[in-house]
């Protein structure tokens, strides 16, 4: 009769291990987007009024570090790995209204000779601008974000959510992409 006693011992051992294993699996699958976590997401941006679609991109960010549009970050807070969401942002909630005062004119001699309208440059201070028009000796430039004044629909899928110390998601080693 040693076999039934052995099965009882194995069953008891499994019974003792099962709750911790279940707790571990539950904790792993319950990680949500929240401040301080490292989040990997896939997103597509649509500008409905112009039928412009910016195709799928992947971005890694840490909530609370001002790496995303604040209203987008707020909308995806609490999501878990594998979840998807459509976030509808007014122009005020996205990149703000278009500001005519951010337009200007510079000498086209200050630009490279092969510059075309739509080319994006950065000032010495690191501020991006777009060349909107070239007319002889002058170039029209715009310091507005290209999506300023636009209503945006952002389709998001959370690919991963981990603490910043977990292997493979180190905050120091990641490449930032800001939207």
Protein backbone atom coordinates (compact mmCIF):
# COMPACT_ATOMS: atom_id res chain seq x y z
CA UNK A 1 0.00 0.00 0.00
CA UNK A 2 2.86 2.48 -0.28
CA UNK A 3 1.52 3.81 -3.59
CA UNK A 4 -1.66 5.44 -2.26
CA UNK A 5 0.37 7.13 0.48
CA UNK A 6 2.81 8.41 -2.14
CA UNK A 7 -0.05 9.84 -4.23
CA UNK A 8 -1.44 11.53 -1.17
CA UNK A 9 1.98 13.07 -0.46
CA UNK A 10 2.33 14.26 -4.09
CA UNK A 11 -1.21 15.68 -4.05
CA UNK A 12 -0.50 17.50 -0.79
CA UNK A 13 2.73 18.91 -2.20
CA UNK A 14 0.96 20.12 -5.35
CA UNK A 15 -1.79 21.60 -3.19
CA UNK A 16 0.80 23.55 -1.22
CA UNK A 17 2.52 24.83 -4.35
CA UNK A 18 -0.58 25.64 -6.40
CA UNK A 19 -1.72 28.74 -4.48
CA UNK A 20 1.69 30.48 -4.75
CA UNK A 21 1.91 29.58 -8.45
CA UNK A 22 -1.59 30.88 -9.05
CA UNK A 23 -0.73 34.09 -7.18
CA UNK A 24 2.43 34.52 -9.28
CA UNK A 25 0.54 34.01 -12.57
CA UNK A 26 -2.22 36.37 -11.40
CA UNK A 27 0.28 39.06 -10.43
CA UNK A 28 2.16 38.79 -13.74
CA UNK A 29 -0.99 39.15 -15.84
CA UNK A 30 -2.40 41.98 -13.76
CA UNK A 31 0.30 44.58 -14.48
CA UNK A 32 -1.39 47.76 -15.67
CA UNK A 33 -0.25 50.96 -17.32
CA UNK A 34 0.54 53.28 -14.44
CA UNK A 35 3.14 55.83 -13.39
CA UNK A 36 6.67 54.42 -13.28
CA UNK A 37 6.01 51.28 -15.36
CA UNK A 38 7.72 50.74 -18.72
CA UNK A 39 5.08 50.39 -21.42
CA UNK A 40 5.49 49.14 -24.97
CA UNK A 41 2.59 50.09 -27.22
CA UNK A 42 1.63 49.97 -30.85
CA UNK A 43 -0.37 52.89 -32.23
CA UNK A 44 -1.88 54.30 -35.40
CA UNK A 45 -2.84 57.97 -35.69
CA UNK A 46 -5.73 59.05 -37.91
CA UNK A 47 -6.69 62.63 -38.77
CA UNK A 48 -10.34 62.09 -39.73
CA UNK A 49 -10.98 65.45 -41.42
CA UNK A 50 -8.11 65.04 -43.88
CA UNK A 51 -8.31 61.23 -44.14
CA UNK A 52 -4.61 61.11 -43.19
CA UNK A 53 -3.42 57.91 -41.53
CA UNK A 54 -0.02 57.69 -39.89
CA UNK A 55 0.64 53.94 -40.03
CA UNK A 56 1.49 51.65 -37.14
CA UNK A 57 4.34 52.71 -34.92
CA UNK A 58 5.75 51.12 -31.79
CA UNK A 59 6.75 53.25 -28.83
CA UNK A 60 8.18 52.53 -25.41
CA UNK A 61 7.56 55.06 -22.64
CA UNK A 62 7.26 55.47 -18.90
CA UNK A 63 3.99 57.03 -17.67
CA UNK A 64 4.56 60.10 -15.53
CA UNK A 65 7.70 61.15 -17.45
CA UNK A 66 5.89 63.51 -19.89
CA UNK A 67 6.72 61.35 -22.89
CA UNK A 68 3.17 61.18 -24.31
CA UNK A 69 0.37 63.59 -24.90
CA UNK A 70 -1.10 64.02 -21.40
CA UNK A 71 -4.64 63.12 -22.50
CA UNK A 72 -3.44 60.04 -24.35
CA UNK A 73 -1.53 58.89 -21.28
CA UNK A 74 -4.59 59.48 -19.12
CA UNK A 75 -6.78 57.48 -21.53
CA UNK A 76 -4.54 54.40 -21.52
CA UNK A 77 -3.77 54.40 -17.78
CA UNK A 78 -5.11 51.19 -16.28
CA UNK A 79 -4.89 49.17 -19.50
CA UNK A 80 -3.20 45.75 -19.49
CA UNK A 81 -1.00 43.87 -21.93
CA UNK A 82 -2.99 42.83 -25.00
CA UNK A 83 -5.76 45.39 -24.54
CA UNK A 84 -6.72 47.76 -27.34
CA UNK A 85 -8.42 51.13 -27.22
CA UNK A 86 -9.45 53.92 -29.58
CA UNK A 87 -8.66 57.35 -28.14
CA UNK A 88 -10.43 60.34 -29.68
CA UNK A 89 -8.64 63.64 -28.99
CA UNK A 90 -9.84 67.11 -29.94
CA UNK A 91 -7.17 69.47 -31.24
CA UNK A 92 -7.04 71.13 -27.81
CA UNK A 93 -6.49 67.74 -26.14
CA UNK A 94 -3.82 66.71 -28.68
CA UNK A 95 -1.25 69.23 -29.94
CA UNK A 96 -3.29 72.34 -29.22
CA UNK A 97 -4.78 74.88 -31.59
CA UNK A 98 -2.94 76.10 -34.65
CA UNK A 99 -1.20 79.40 -33.82
CA UNK A 100 -0.73 81.80 -36.75
CA UNK A 101 1.86 83.77 -34.74
CA UNK A 102 4.24 80.78 -34.99
CA UNK A 103 4.68 81.36 -38.73
CA UNK A 104 7.53 83.42 -40.12
CA UNK A 105 9.77 84.26 -43.04
CA UNK A 106 13.53 83.79 -43.29
CA UNK A 107 16.11 84.23 -46.01
CA UNK A 108 16.25 81.08 -48.13
CA UNK A 109 20.06 81.47 -48.10
CA UNK A 110 19.95 80.21 -44.48
CA UNK A 111 18.64 76.85 -45.74
CA UNK A 112 20.46 74.09 -47.65
CA UNK A 113 20.18 74.52 -51.44
CA UNK A 114 18.11 71.33 -51.93
CA UNK A 115 15.42 72.36 -49.41
CA UNK A 116 11.84 71.60 -50.47
CA UNK A 117 8.51 72.66 -48.91
CA UNK A 118 7.64 70.19 -46.17
CA UNK A 119 11.24 69.77 -45.04
CA UNK A 120 11.64 69.81 -41.27
CA UNK A 121 14.63 71.50 -39.67
CA UNK A 122 15.67 72.32 -36.13
CA UNK A 123 16.95 75.66 -34.85
CA UNK A 124 20.26 75.89 -32.98
CA UNK A 125 18.16 75.82 -29.78
CA UNK A 126 16.58 72.52 -30.84
CA UNK A 127 13.15 73.87 -31.84
CA UNK A 128 11.70 72.11 -34.92
CA UNK A 129 10.10 74.01 -37.79
CA UNK A 130 8.71 73.17 -41.23
CA UNK A 131 9.51 74.99 -44.45
CA UNK A 132 6.07 75.67 -45.92
CA UNK A 133 6.96 77.68 -49.03
CA UNK A 134 9.98 78.81 -51.01
CA UNK A 135 9.64 82.00 -53.06
CA UNK A 136 12.90 83.33 -54.47
CA UNK A 137 15.03 84.84 -51.72
CA UNK A 138 12.60 84.02 -48.87
CA UNK A 139 11.22 80.91 -47.24
CA UNK A 140 8.05 80.68 -45.19
CA UNK A 141 8.47 78.60 -42.04
CA UNK A 142 6.08 77.29 -39.40
CA UNK A 143 6.92 76.41 -35.79
CA UNK A 144 3.52 74.79 -35.11
CA UNK A 145 3.52 71.03 -34.59
CA UNK A 146 2.39 69.45 -37.91
CA UNK A 147 -0.68 68.06 -36.09
CA UNK A 148 -1.57 71.31 -34.26
CA UNK A 149 -5.21 72.23 -34.75
CA UNK A 150 -6.10 68.68 -35.82
CA UNK A 151 -8.64 66.30 -34.30
CA UNK A 152 -6.86 62.95 -33.80
CA UNK A 153 -8.02 59.37 -33.39
CA UNK A 154 -5.29 57.15 -31.96
CA UNK A 155 -5.72 53.38 -31.98
CA UNK A 156 -3.55 51.88 -29.25
CA UNK A 157 -2.60 48.30 -28.40
CA UNK A 158 -0.59 47.63 -25.24
CA UNK A 159 2.16 45.16 -26.15
CA UNK A 160 3.88 44.96 -22.76
CA UNK A 161 3.81 46.51 -19.28
CA UNK A 162 6.69 45.84 -16.89
CA UNK A 163 8.46 47.41 -13.97
CA UNK A 164 11.54 49.38 -15.11
CA UNK A 165 13.93 46.93 -13.43
CA UNK A 166 12.71 43.80 -15.24
CA UNK A 167 15.14 42.33 -17.75
CA UNK A 168 14.70 43.58 -21.29
CA UNK A 169 12.83 46.76 -20.35
CA UNK A 170 15.59 48.86 -18.76
CA UNK A 171 14.72 52.56 -18.80
CA UNK A 172 18.36 53.46 -19.51
CA UNK A 173 18.69 51.15 -22.52
CA UNK A 174 15.49 52.01 -24.33
CA UNK A 175 15.01 54.22 -27.36
CA UNK A 176 12.47 56.97 -26.87
CA UNK A 177 9.83 57.83 -29.42
CA UNK A 178 7.59 60.66 -28.37
CA UNK A 179 4.18 61.38 -29.83
